[in-house]
Protein backbone atom coordinates (compact mmCIF):
# COMPACT_ATOMS: atom_id res chain seq x y z
CA MET A 1 0.05 -0.04 -0.02
CA SER A 2 1.42 3.39 -0.88
CA TYR A 3 0.35 6.65 0.59
CA THR A 4 1.24 10.32 0.11
CA MET A 5 2.94 12.45 2.71
CA SER A 6 3.95 16.18 2.64
CA LEU A 7 5.60 18.53 4.96
CA ASP A 8 3.33 21.72 4.95
CA GLU A 9 4.83 23.95 7.56
CA VAL A 10 7.56 23.96 10.27
CA TYR A 11 6.56 25.75 13.36
CA SER A 12 9.64 25.23 15.50
CA VAL A 13 12.81 23.09 15.70
CA SER A 14 14.44 22.09 19.00
CA ALA A 15 17.84 20.50 19.49
CA THR A 16 18.07 17.41 21.65
CA GLU A 17 20.86 15.93 23.77
CA LYS A 18 21.92 13.84 20.92
CA GLU A 19 23.98 15.46 18.13
CA ASP A 20 21.98 16.16 14.89
CA VAL A 21 18.72 14.87 16.32
CA TYR A 22 15.94 17.34 16.34
CA ARG A 23 12.33 17.63 17.57
CA LEU A 24 10.09 19.63 15.34
CA SER A 25 6.64 21.01 15.62
CA VAL A 26 5.12 20.73 12.11
CA ARG A 27 2.05 20.67 9.94
CA VAL A 28 1.91 17.55 7.72
CA THR A 29 -0.59 15.99 5.26
CA VAL A 30 -0.83 12.22 5.11
CA CYS A 31 -3.34 10.56 2.68
CA GLY A 32 -5.16 13.89 2.24
CA GLU A 33 -5.53 14.56 6.03
CA THR A 34 -3.74 17.53 7.43
CA PHE A 35 -2.75 17.84 11.04
CA ASP A 36 -0.19 19.37 13.48
CA THR A 37 2.20 16.95 15.19
CA GLU A 38 5.71 16.60 16.58
CA TYR A 39 8.32 14.86 14.59
CA TRP A 40 11.62 13.44 15.83
CA SER A 41 14.32 13.68 13.01
CA TYR A 42 17.34 11.48 13.13
CA PRO A 43 20.28 12.03 10.74
CA GLU A 44 20.40 8.59 9.12
CA ASP A 45 16.56 7.83 9.07
CA PRO A 46 15.51 7.27 5.44
CA HIS A 47 11.85 6.62 6.16
CA GLY A 48 8.66 8.76 6.11
CA LEU A 49 8.97 12.52 6.06
CA ASN A 50 12.60 12.50 7.42
CA PRO A 51 14.36 12.91 4.22
CA THR A 52 12.04 15.84 3.31
CA ILE A 53 12.57 17.39 6.71
CA ARG A 54 16.42 16.94 6.46
CA GLN A 55 16.22 18.78 3.07
CA TRP A 56 14.08 21.47 4.61
CA LEU A 57 16.66 21.84 7.46
CA ALA A 58 19.46 22.13 4.91
CA ALA A 59 17.57 24.72 2.79
CA ASN A 60 16.65 26.83 5.83
CA PRO A 61 19.91 27.25 7.88
CA ASP A 62 18.72 30.66 9.40
CA PHE A 63 15.64 28.99 10.99
CA PRO A 64 16.00 29.37 14.73
CA ILE A 65 16.80 26.14 16.57
CA SER A 66 16.03 26.25 20.27
CA SER A 67 17.99 24.33 22.80
């Protein structure tokens, strides 16, 4: 079964105790349903929205990251 996912908006990014691991507050759309959620992003995770989130982080280096 395939399904569609999109990253619609990033509200906030927080650093964690682990290097290069972030907790994000985001708006996503999955299978046509849009909702706000938290997402934990790990550097080597190739699944779900993580590659899109990593691309977003790289494209937005000036976005504030809280600690």
